[in-house]
């Protein structure tokens, strides 16, 4: 299955394993809660979906890479204790608490999460001395003498043998105690995720036209070449920062993330062409509505004569420009609403005698604790710091309550302007390329933007177009699968 299907299965499993009856008892007894084992190529997103699943279920997540552990840290250290049996005293060996089990209790104390996922990565690459402890964990939910706390689900991940020479094949006894979920790289699924995460438009447009380069692992003449989803996303993040600081990139830079020379070189050429398009087609001016009608018509004509690759680049460029406007609105809206919540908290505390300095100091300390314990969602720290800066200006500079009604009116006008702009750009794409793939990609890109839901942009007249494109993609995949089956049958 693909990584999105795997995430949904993890979510269903967590909800089933944590379900209780009217008396507070587990509906599925702990011994029958088979651990989940995700097997898939490296960099496909196994760790990321665990984080997303834990967040969706409102439970904690504690992750360990098992190759970093020894038997002693997993099971505990031996210690001599004295026991008495039938009037005689004996010296015996017991084990201290497992470092991993101990950390679960510490995590529960820090965060308040009584239920969660214990995620053990690279479980099939552990050392020979640690392997028996892994079997014990899978069978009895214990490390050494200590059991995983009730309410904590065990999930693990590993790579197939062809991707890692350190892999130890799990025996039948181990496999019979886990639920194996086979995960495969799927660009279509990753693309939806990438849209929401704001992956660089050059990466998305390149992979749109070269999906075969999304994931590749080659082992020839003792040399391994590979490109993974993780590599593309990490490249996207630093590429955006390089652009912001106007720093140069080249083939060697791309090869640090895309460890296949052919793909690194191809993407480098593509990226150079992508960068040259911004000025050539006046994308910033088009997105901001600064082009006059004759200039817009001239641009339409020039775009109708470009290649399919260039069309894809143009749509991604336009989506990036429109997305920046949507992101700015979403950021401003979140900050305004969050500031109102915090102001209400401050007013309540002020009635109890707390001053502004103490209040802001407590907020700073709480943010620090949440950050240290990995409890902040992406973007949450920046939001809280922006709110605090705004509060300082209100509480220290003016001392007056903000004119919230005026700010809300300004926000409403900004929203209306962006919606007007999105509709204008949608009409431009339709008039330029027709009701075809480019329009479908444009609309999907807008709908999948992280702030699309707060804007409420909709073009219902194109619902059939989007559905048709989705059906065509599914049909192409089905035909491809059937052809592969026929080819296999011919070889037998």
Protein backbone atom coordinates (compact mmCIF):
# COMPACT_ATOMS: atom_id res chain seq x y z
CA UNK A 1 0.00 0.00 0.00
CA UNK A 2 1.06 3.62 -0.33
CA UNK A 3 2.10 5.75 2.63
CA UNK A 4 -1.29 7.51 2.91
CA UNK A 5 -3.10 4.17 3.13
CA UNK A 6 -0.57 3.06 5.74
CA UNK A 7 -1.28 6.20 7.80
CA UNK A 8 -5.01 5.53 7.76
CA UNK A 9 -4.41 1.95 8.89
CA UNK A 10 -2.22 3.17 11.74
CA UNK A 11 -4.92 5.62 12.83
CA UNK A 12 -7.58 2.90 12.76
CA UNK A 13 -5.33 0.58 14.76
CA UNK A 14 -4.57 3.18 17.44
CA UNK A 15 -8.25 3.94 17.85
CA UNK A 16 -9.09 0.25 18.08
CA UNK A 17 -6.30 -0.56 20.55
CA UNK A 18 -7.12 2.39 22.83
CA UNK A 19 -10.91 1.83 22.81
CA UNK A 20 -12.49 1.09 26.21
CA UNK A 21 -15.83 -0.26 27.34
CA UNK A 22 -18.21 1.38 29.82
CA UNK A 23 -16.07 0.10 32.72
CA UNK A 24 -12.82 1.56 31.39
CA UNK A 25 -11.46 -1.81 30.27
CA UNK A 26 -9.64 -2.26 26.95
CA UNK A 27 -11.95 -3.71 24.32
CA UNK A 28 -8.93 -5.44 22.80
CA UNK A 29 -6.74 -7.02 25.52
CA UNK A 30 -3.09 -5.96 25.47
CA UNK A 31 -1.81 -9.48 24.54
CA UNK A 32 -4.00 -9.36 21.42
CA UNK A 33 -2.76 -5.92 20.33
CA UNK A 34 -0.34 -6.98 17.65
CA UNK A 35 2.44 -4.44 17.04
CA UNK A 36 2.44 -2.73 13.64
CA UNK A 37 5.48 -3.28 11.46
CA UNK A 38 5.95 -0.98 8.46
CA UNK A 39 8.30 -2.40 5.85
CA UNK A 40 9.30 -0.06 3.07
CA UNK A 41 12.22 1.64 1.33
CA UNK A 42 14.19 4.34 3.19
CA UNK A 43 13.05 7.94 2.90
CA UNK A 44 9.48 7.08 1.94
CA UNK A 45 7.98 8.79 5.00
CA UNK A 46 7.45 6.05 7.59
CA UNK A 47 8.45 8.25 10.52
CA UNK A 48 6.41 11.19 9.23
CA UNK A 49 3.19 9.18 9.04
CA UNK A 50 3.68 8.03 12.63
CA UNK A 51 3.80 11.68 13.69
CA UNK A 52 0.70 12.47 11.64
CA UNK A 53 -1.19 9.46 13.00
CA UNK A 54 -0.34 10.32 16.62
CA UNK A 55 -1.48 13.89 16.04
CA UNK A 56 -4.73 12.73 14.40
CA UNK A 57 -5.50 10.42 17.34
CA UNK A 58 -4.47 12.92 20.02
CA UNK A 59 -1.94 10.54 21.58
CA UNK A 60 1.76 10.83 22.38
CA UNK A 61 4.63 9.62 20.24
CA UNK A 62 8.03 8.43 21.42
CA UNK A 63 10.42 7.39 18.67
CA UNK A 64 13.66 5.43 18.88
CA UNK A 65 16.12 4.27 16.25
CA UNK A 66 16.98 0.79 17.47
CA UNK A 67 20.38 0.64 15.78
CA UNK A 68 21.49 3.30 18.31
CA UNK A 69 20.72 0.98 21.22
CA UNK A 70 22.57 -1.85 22.93
CA UNK A 71 21.04 -4.73 24.80
CA UNK A 72 21.84 -3.00 28.08
CA UNK A 73 20.02 0.23 27.21
CA UNK A 74 16.98 -1.63 25.89
CA UNK A 75 16.69 -4.34 28.53
CA UNK A 76 18.39 -2.69 31.51
CA UNK A 77 21.57 -3.30 33.48
CA UNK A 78 22.04 -6.37 35.70
CA UNK A 79 22.08 -5.89 39.46
CA UNK A 80 22.39 -8.28 42.40
CA UNK A 81 19.42 -8.52 44.74
CA UNK A 82 18.72 -10.70 47.76
CA UNK A 83 15.61 -12.91 47.81
CA UNK A 84 14.30 -15.28 50.45
CA UNK A 85 12.71 -18.65 49.67
CA UNK A 86 11.53 -21.07 52.36
CA UNK A 87 13.59 -19.34 55.00
CA UNK A 88 16.80 -19.25 52.99
CA UNK A 89 18.33 -16.16 51.40
CA UNK A 90 19.65 -16.21 47.87
CA UNK A 91 21.53 -13.68 45.77
CA UNK A 92 19.97 -13.28 42.33
CA UNK A 93 20.43 -11.16 39.23
CA UNK A 94 17.70 -8.71 38.25
CA UNK A 95 17.66 -5.95 35.71
CA UNK A 96 17.19 -2.24 36.18
CA UNK A 97 14.41 -0.58 34.22
CA UNK A 98 14.87 -0.40 30.47
CA UNK A 99 15.98 3.02 29.27
CA UNK A 100 13.18 2.94 26.72
CA UNK A 101 10.46 1.98 29.23
CA UNK A 102 11.78 4.60 31.64
CA UNK A 103 11.61 7.26 28.95
CA UNK A 104 7.92 6.44 28.30
CA UNK A 105 7.11 7.18 31.95
CA UNK A 106 9.20 10.36 31.80
CA UNK A 107 7.38 11.39 28.61
CA UNK A 108 3.99 10.81 30.23
CA UNK A 109 5.02 12.96 33.18
CA UNK A 110 6.30 15.77 30.94
CA UNK A 111 3.40 15.85 28.50
CA UNK A 112 0.40 14.40 30.31
CA UNK A 113 -0.16 11.85 27.52
CA UNK A 114 -1.30 8.58 29.12
CA UNK A 115 -1.67 6.88 25.73
CA UNK A 116 0.69 6.92 22.82
CA UNK A 117 2.74 5.17 20.16
CA UNK A 118 6.15 3.69 20.94
CA UNK A 119 7.80 3.81 17.53
CA UNK A 120 10.92 1.70 17.01
CA UNK A 121 12.67 2.39 13.72
CA UNK A 122 15.11 0.04 11.97
CA UNK A 123 13.93 -2.82 14.15
CA UNK A 124 15.16 -5.43 11.68
CA UNK A 125 18.71 -4.03 11.76
CA UNK A 126 19.44 -4.57 15.45
CA UNK A 127 22.56 -6.37 16.63
CA UNK A 128 22.58 -10.10 17.26
CA UNK A 129 22.64 -9.56 21.02
CA UNK A 130 19.58 -7.30 20.90
CA UNK A 131 17.51 -9.51 18.57
CA UNK A 132 16.11 -11.77 21.38
CA UNK A 133 14.93 -8.66 23.25
CA UNK A 134 13.04 -7.57 20.13
CA UNK A 135 11.25 -10.91 19.98
CA UNK A 136 10.39 -10.57 23.67
CA UNK A 137 9.00 -7.09 23.03
CA UNK A 138 6.84 -8.22 20.13
CA UNK A 139 5.53 -11.26 21.98
CA UNK A 140 5.06 -9.98 25.54
CA UNK A 141 5.20 -6.15 25.19
CA UNK A 142 8.12 -6.08 27.64
CA UNK A 143 11.73 -4.95 27.71
CA UNK A 144 13.58 -7.00 30.32
CA UNK A 145 11.37 -7.29 33.41
CA UNK A 146 9.29 -4.23 32.64
CA UNK A 147 6.16 -4.04 30.52
CA UNK A 148 5.29 -1.26 28.11
CA UNK A 149 2.71 0.90 29.96
CA UNK A 150 -0.91 0.10 29.16
CA UNK A 151 -2.33 2.43 26.55
CA UNK A 152 0.91 2.56 24.58
CA UNK A 153 0.84 0.88 21.17
CA UNK A 154 4.00 -0.61 19.72
CA UNK A 155 4.80 0.29 16.13
CA UNK A 156 8.00 -0.48 14.30
CA UNK A 157 9.57 0.10 10.92
CA UNK A 158 12.25 -1.51 8.84
CA UNK A 159 13.76 -1.55 5.38
CA UNK A 160 13.63 -4.47 2.95
CA UNK A 161 16.85 -6.42 2.66
CA UNK A 162 17.70 -5.03 -0.77
CA UNK A 163 18.02 -1.52 0.70
CA UNK A 164 20.15 -2.32 3.75
CA UNK A 165 22.87 -4.94 4.11
CA UNK A 166 22.42 -4.90 7.91
CA UNK A 167 18.86 -6.21 7.71
CA UNK A 168 18.16 -9.38 9.68
CA UNK A 169 15.28 -11.42 8.34
CA UNK A 170 12.56 -11.80 10.96
CA UNK A 171 11.76 -15.44 11.65
CA UNK A 172 8.27 -16.91 11.51
CA UNK A 173 7.84 -16.63 15.29
CA UNK A 174 8.39 -12.87 15.09
CA UNK A 175 6.30 -12.32 11.97
CA UNK A 176 3.43 -14.29 13.53
CA UNK A 177 3.24 -11.69 16.30
CA UNK A 178 3.10 -8.50 14.23
CA UNK A 179 0.92 -6.90 11.59
CA UNK A 180 3.16 -6.34 8.59
CA UNK A 181 2.28 -3.32 6.45
CA UNK A 182 4.18 -3.19 3.18
CA UNK A 183 4.73 0.43 2.10
CA UNK A 184 5.70 1.56 -1.39
CA UNK A 185 6.84 4.91 -2.79
CA UNK A 186 3.95 6.64 -4.58
CA UNK A 187 4.48 10.04 -6.18
CA UNK A 188 0.75 10.72 -6.53
CA UNK A 189 0.23 10.41 -2.77
CA UNK A 190 3.43 12.30 -1.93
CA UNK A 191 2.38 15.12 -4.27
CA UNK A 192 -0.75 15.81 -2.20
CA UNK A 193 1.41 15.89 0.92
CA UNK A 194 3.98 18.10 -0.82
CA UNK A 195 1.35 20.65 -1.86
CA UNK A 196 0.24 21.04 1.74
CA UNK A 197 3.83 21.24 3.03
CA UNK A 198 4.79 23.93 0.54
CA UNK A 199 7.43 21.90 -1.28
CA UNK A 200 9.37 24.03 -3.76
CA UNK A 201 7.42 24.47 -7.02
CA UNK A 202 10.48 23.55 -9.11
CA UNK A 203 10.61 20.15 -7.38
CA UNK A 204 6.89 19.56 -7.92
CA UNK A 205 6.87 20.63 -11.56
CA UNK A 206 9.98 18.54 -12.31
CA UNK A 207 8.51 15.41 -10.73
CA UNK A 208 5.19 16.06 -12.45
CA UNK A 209 6.93 15.60 -15.80
CA UNK A 210 9.46 13.02 -14.55
CA UNK A 211 7.61 10.88 -11.97
CA UNK A 212 10.04 8.02 -12.65
CA UNK A 213 12.72 10.11 -10.89
CA UNK A 214 10.73 10.42 -7.66
CA UNK A 215 12.25 7.33 -6.09
CA UNK A 216 15.17 5.31 -7.37
CA UNK A 217 17.68 2.92 -5.85
CA UNK A 218 20.39 1.36 -7.99
CA UNK A 219 23.21 -0.94 -6.90
CA UNK A 220 25.71 -1.52 -9.70
CA UNK A 221 29.43 -2.33 -9.63
CA UNK A 222 29.49 -1.95 -5.85
CA UNK A 223 28.27 1.65 -6.04
CA UNK A 224 24.84 2.65 -4.71
CA UNK A 225 22.85 5.47 -6.28
CA UNK A 226 19.57 6.60 -4.77
CA UNK A 227 16.92 9.31 -4.74
CA UNK A 228 14.21 9.33 -2.07
CA UNK A 229 11.15 11.33 -1.05
CA UNK A 230 13.12 12.56 1.97
CA UNK A 231 15.86 13.81 -0.33
CA UNK A 232 13.42 15.80 -2.48
CA UNK A 233 11.75 17.40 0.54
CA UNK A 234 15.05 18.30 2.23
CA UNK A 235 16.33 19.77 -1.03
CA UNK A 236 13.14 21.82 -1.29
CA UNK A 237 13.61 23.36 2.15
CA UNK A 238 17.18 24.50 1.65
CA UNK A 239 16.59 25.53 -1.96
CA UNK A 240 13.99 28.05 -0.80
CA UNK A 241 16.42 29.48 1.75
CA UNK A 242 19.22 29.69 -0.83
CA UNK A 243 16.87 31.66 -3.07
CA UNK A 244 15.91 33.98 -0.22
CA UNK A 245 19.58 34.77 0.42
CA UNK A 246 20.33 34.86 -3.32
CA UNK A 247 23.00 32.18 -3.05
CA UNK A 248 24.08 30.14 -6.06
CA UNK A 249 23.34 26.46 -6.55
CA UNK A 250 24.75 23.95 -8.98
CA UNK A 251 24.99 20.29 -9.81
CA UNK A 252 27.22 19.47 -6.84
CA UNK A 253 24.70 21.12 -4.52
CA UNK A 254 21.80 19.11 -5.97
CA UNK A 255 23.86 15.90 -5.75
CA UNK A 256 24.12 16.35 -1.97
CA UNK A 257 20.42 15.47 -1.80
CA UNK A 258 19.83 13.55 -5.05
CA UNK A 259 22.44 10.80 -4.86
CA UNK A 260 22.01 9.74 -8.47
CA UNK A 261 24.27 11.75 -10.84
CA UNK A 262 21.87 11.42 -13.77
CA UNK A 263 18.88 12.82 -11.85
CA UNK A 264 20.95 15.48 -10.05
CA UNK A 265 22.27 16.74 -13.39
CA UNK A 266 18.86 16.64 -15.04
CA UNK A 267 17.21 18.54 -12.20
CA UNK A 268 20.01 21.14 -12.19
CA UNK A 269 19.35 21.94 -15.86
CA UNK A 270 15.61 21.98 -15.21
CA UNK A 271 15.98 24.31 -12.25
CA UNK A 272 18.07 26.77 -14.25
CA UNK A 273 15.38 26.85 -16.91
CA UNK A 274 12.73 27.17 -14.21
CA UNK A 275 14.45 30.22 -12.69
CA UNK A 276 14.72 31.93 -16.07
CA UNK A 277 10.95 31.67 -16.58
CA UNK A 278 9.94 34.11 -13.84
CA UNK A 279 11.07 37.22 -15.66
CA UNK A 280 10.37 35.93 -19.14
CA UNK A 281 6.66 35.41 -18.51
CA UNK A 282 6.23 38.24 -15.97
CA UNK A 283 4.70 35.89 -13.43
CA UNK A 284 4.97 38.22 -10.44
CA UNK A 285 3.23 41.03 -12.34
CA UNK A 286 0.52 38.67 -13.59
CA UNK A 287 -0.12 37.29 -10.11
CA UNK A 288 -0.37 40.78 -8.58
CA UNK A 289 -2.67 42.07 -11.32
CA UNK A 290 -0.18 44.69 -12.54
CA UNK A 291 -0.34 43.75 -16.23
CA UNK A 292 -2.56 45.77 -18.54
CA UNK A 293 -5.12 44.02 -20.72
CA UNK A 294 -3.00 44.14 -23.94
CA UNK A 295 -0.03 42.72 -22.01
CA UNK A 296 -2.19 39.91 -20.64
CA UNK A 297 -3.40 39.00 -24.12
CA UNK A 298 0.14 39.01 -25.46
CA UNK A 299 1.22 36.73 -22.62
CA UNK A 300 -1.60 34.28 -23.37
CA UNK A 301 -0.49 33.97 -26.98
CA UNK A 302 3.17 33.34 -26.03
CA UNK A 303 2.20 30.67 -23.48
CA UNK A 304 0.07 28.76 -25.97
CA UNK A 305 3.18 27.94 -28.00
CA UNK A 306 5.42 26.54 -25.25
CA UNK A 307 6.19 22.88 -24.53
CA UNK A 308 4.35 20.69 -22.02
CA UNK A 309 7.31 20.89 -19.61
CA UNK A 310 7.29 24.67 -19.79
CA UNK A 311 3.52 24.76 -19.21
CA UNK A 312 3.96 22.69 -16.08
CA UNK A 313 6.71 25.05 -14.89
CA UNK A 314 4.51 28.06 -15.54
CA UNK A 315 1.59 26.62 -13.54
CA UNK A 316 3.91 25.83 -10.62
CA UNK A 317 5.36 29.35 -10.75
CA UNK A 318 1.87 30.82 -10.75
CA UNK A 319 0.78 28.57 -7.89
CA UNK A 320 3.81 29.69 -5.88
CA UNK A 321 2.93 33.35 -6.43
CA UNK A 322 -0.74 32.83 -5.55
CA UNK A 323 0.23 30.59 -2.65
CA UNK A 324 2.37 33.36 -1.16
CA UNK A 325 -0.68 35.61 -1.06
CA UNK A 326 -2.78 32.86 0.55
CA UNK A 327 -0.06 32.09 3.09
CA UNK A 328 0.24 35.74 4.10
CA UNK A 329 -3.52 35.96 4.65
CA UNK A 330 -3.57 32.72 6.65
CA UNK A 331 -0.63 33.84 8.79
CA UNK A 332 -2.26 37.19 9.52
CA UNK A 333 -5.60 35.57 10.33
CA UNK A 334 -4.08 32.99 12.69
CA UNK A 335 -2.09 35.66 14.47
CA UNK A 336 -5.12 37.91 14.93
CA UNK A 337 -7.38 35.15 16.24
CA UNK A 338 -4.69 33.73 18.50
CA UNK A 339 -3.87 37.18 19.87
CA UNK A 340 -7.54 37.64 20.80
CA UNK A 341 -7.48 34.34 22.71
CA UNK A 342 -4.32 35.30 24.60
CA UNK A 343 -5.65 38.77 25.37
CA UNK A 344 -8.72 37.21 26.96
CA UNK A 345 -6.42 35.07 29.09
CA UNK A 346 -4.41 38.14 30.11
CA UNK A 347 -7.52 40.12 31.07
CA UNK A 348 -8.65 37.24 33.26
CA UNK A 349 -5.22 37.00 34.94
CA UNK A 350 -5.05 40.79 35.35
CA UNK A 351 -8.21 40.69 37.44
CA UNK A 352 -6.37 38.28 39.74
CA UNK A 353 -3.48 40.71 40.11
CA UNK A 354 -0.99 39.38 37.53
CA UNK A 355 0.87 42.05 35.56
CA UNK A 356 1.87 41.97 31.88
CA UNK A 357 5.52 41.11 32.54
CA UNK A 358 4.65 38.01 34.57
CA UNK A 359 2.06 36.93 32.05
CA UNK A 360 4.42 37.17 29.08
CA UNK A 361 7.17 35.49 31.10
CA UNK A 362 4.92 32.52 31.83
CA UNK A 363 4.01 32.26 28.15
CA UNK A 364 7.69 32.26 27.17
CA UNK A 365 8.47 29.54 29.72
CA UNK A 366 5.52 27.38 28.58
CA UNK A 367 6.63 27.71 24.96
CA UNK A 368 10.16 26.66 25.89
CA UNK A 369 8.90 23.55 27.73
CA UNK A 370 6.69 22.53 24.83
CA UNK A 371 9.55 22.98 22.38
CA UNK A 372 11.96 20.93 24.51
CA UNK A 373 9.43 18.08 24.66
CA UNK A 374 8.58 18.10 20.95
CA UNK A 375 4.99 19.21 21.51
CA UNK A 376 4.92 22.08 19.01
CA UNK A 377 3.25 21.63 15.65
CA UNK A 378 4.97 23.03 12.52
CA UNK A 379 4.77 26.81 12.53
CA UNK A 380 3.37 27.00 16.05
CA UNK A 381 6.50 28.49 17.64
CA UNK A 382 6.68 31.29 15.07
CA UNK A 383 2.97 32.02 15.58
CA UNK A 384 3.29 32.28 19.36
CA UNK A 385 6.33 34.54 19.07
CA UNK A 386 4.50 36.84 16.63
CA UNK A 387 1.58 36.98 19.05
CA UNK A 388 3.89 37.88 21.92
CA UNK A 389 5.54 40.65 19.89
CA UNK A 390 2.11 42.06 19.09
CA UNK A 391 1.08 41.83 22.74
CA UNK A 392 4.19 43.70 23.90
CA UNK A 393 3.38 46.51 21.51
CA UNK A 394 -0.18 46.66 22.83
CA UNK A 395 0.57 46.29 26.52
CA UNK A 396 3.76 48.36 26.74
CA UNK A 397 3.63 50.86 23.90
CA UNK A 398 0.02 52.01 23.70
CA UNK A 399 -1.50 50.39 26.76
CA UNK A 400 -4.85 50.37 24.95
CA UNK A 401 -6.86 47.47 23.61
CA UNK A 402 -6.42 47.06 19.84
CA UNK A 403 -9.11 48.14 17.42
CA UNK A 404 -10.11 44.56 16.68
CA UNK A 405 -13.15 45.53 14.64
CA UNK A 406 -11.01 47.57 12.24
CA UNK A 407 -8.44 44.76 11.97
CA UNK A 408 -11.20 42.29 11.17
CA UNK A 409 -12.51 44.58 8.44
CA UNK A 410 -9.01 44.86 6.95
CA UNK A 411 -8.70 41.07 7.07
CA UNK A 412 -12.05 40.69 5.32
CA UNK A 413 -10.96 43.07 2.56
CA UNK A 414 -7.72 41.14 2.11
CA UNK A 415 -9.67 37.89 1.78
CA UNK A 416 -12.01 39.39 -0.83
CA UNK A 417 -9.05 40.71 -2.80
CA UNK A 418 -7.31 37.33 -2.80
CA UNK A 419 -10.49 35.52 -3.89
CA UNK A 420 -10.92 38.03 -6.70
CA UNK A 421 -7.31 37.44 -7.69
CA UNK A 422 -7.66 33.64 -7.64
CA UNK A 423 -10.73 33.82 -9.85
CA UNK A 424 -8.93 36.15 -12.27
CA UNK A 425 -5.93 33.80 -12.48
CA UNK A 426 -8.20 30.77 -12.91
CA UNK A 427 -9.87 32.45 -15.88
CA UNK A 428 -6.43 33.29 -17.28
CA UNK A 429 -5.30 29.64 -17.08
CA UNK A 430 -8.54 28.45 -18.67
CA UNK A 431 -8.38 31.03 -21.48
CA UNK A 432 -4.72 30.22 -22.15
CA UNK A 433 -4.66 26.43 -21.97
CA UNK A 434 -8.33 25.45 -22.14
CA UNK A 435 -10.10 23.09 -19.78
CA UNK A 436 -7.23 20.65 -19.74
CA UNK A 437 -4.48 19.29 -17.52
CA UNK A 438 -3.04 22.73 -16.74
CA UNK A 439 -6.36 24.01 -15.36
CA UNK A 440 -6.87 20.82 -13.34
CA UNK A 441 -3.38 21.13 -11.84
CA UNK A 442 -3.94 24.80 -11.05
CA UNK A 443 -7.22 24.10 -9.26
CA UNK A 444 -5.79 21.14 -7.35
CA UNK A 445 -2.82 23.23 -6.30
CA UNK A 446 -5.08 25.96 -4.91
CA UNK A 447 -7.40 23.50 -3.16
CA UNK A 448 -4.47 21.69 -1.54
CA UNK A 449 -2.83 24.83 -0.20
CA UNK A 450 -2.70 24.82 3.58
CA UNK A 451 -4.80 28.01 3.87
CA UNK A 452 -7.36 27.23 1.16
CA UNK A 453 -10.01 26.18 3.69
CA UNK A 454 -10.06 29.56 5.44
CA UNK A 455 -10.43 31.40 2.12
CA UNK A 456 -13.25 29.23 0.82
CA UNK A 457 -12.18 29.46 -2.83
CA UNK A 458 -14.40 27.37 -5.09
CA UNK A 459 -15.09 26.93 -8.79
CA UNK A 460 -17.83 24.27 -8.81
CA UNK A 461 -18.22 24.45 -12.58
CA UNK A 462 -14.90 22.60 -12.87
CA UNK A 463 -15.76 19.74 -10.50
CA UNK A 464 -16.38 17.42 -13.43
CA UNK A 465 -13.04 18.34 -14.96
CA UNK A 466 -11.17 17.48 -11.78
CA UNK A 467 -13.07 14.25 -11.39
CA UNK A 468 -12.44 13.31 -15.02
CA UNK A 469 -8.71 13.89 -14.69
CA UNK A 470 -8.69 11.75 -11.57
CA UNK A 471 -10.57 8.99 -13.35
CA UNK A 472 -8.18 9.17 -16.30
CA UNK A 473 -5.18 8.85 -13.98
CA UNK A 474 -6.76 5.84 -12.26
CA UNK A 475 -7.54 4.26 -15.63
CA UNK A 476 -3.95 4.76 -16.84
CA UNK A 477 -2.66 3.10 -13.66
CA UNK A 478 -5.07 0.19 -14.13
CA UNK A 479 -4.01 -0.30 -17.75
CA UNK A 480 -0.36 -0.21 -16.71
CA UNK A 481 -0.98 -2.88 -14.05
CA UNK A 482 -2.86 -5.09 -16.52
CA UNK A 483 -0.05 -4.78 -19.06
CA UNK A 484 2.50 -5.80 -16.43
CA UNK A 485 0.35 -8.81 -15.51
CA UNK A 486 0.08 -9.85 -19.14
CA UNK A 487 3.83 -9.48 -19.62
CA UNK A 488 4.45 -11.64 -16.55
CA UNK A 489 2.01 -14.25 -17.78
CA UNK A 490 3.76 -14.38 -21.16
CA UNK A 491 7.06 -15.12 -19.44
CA UNK A 492 5.72 -18.09 -17.45
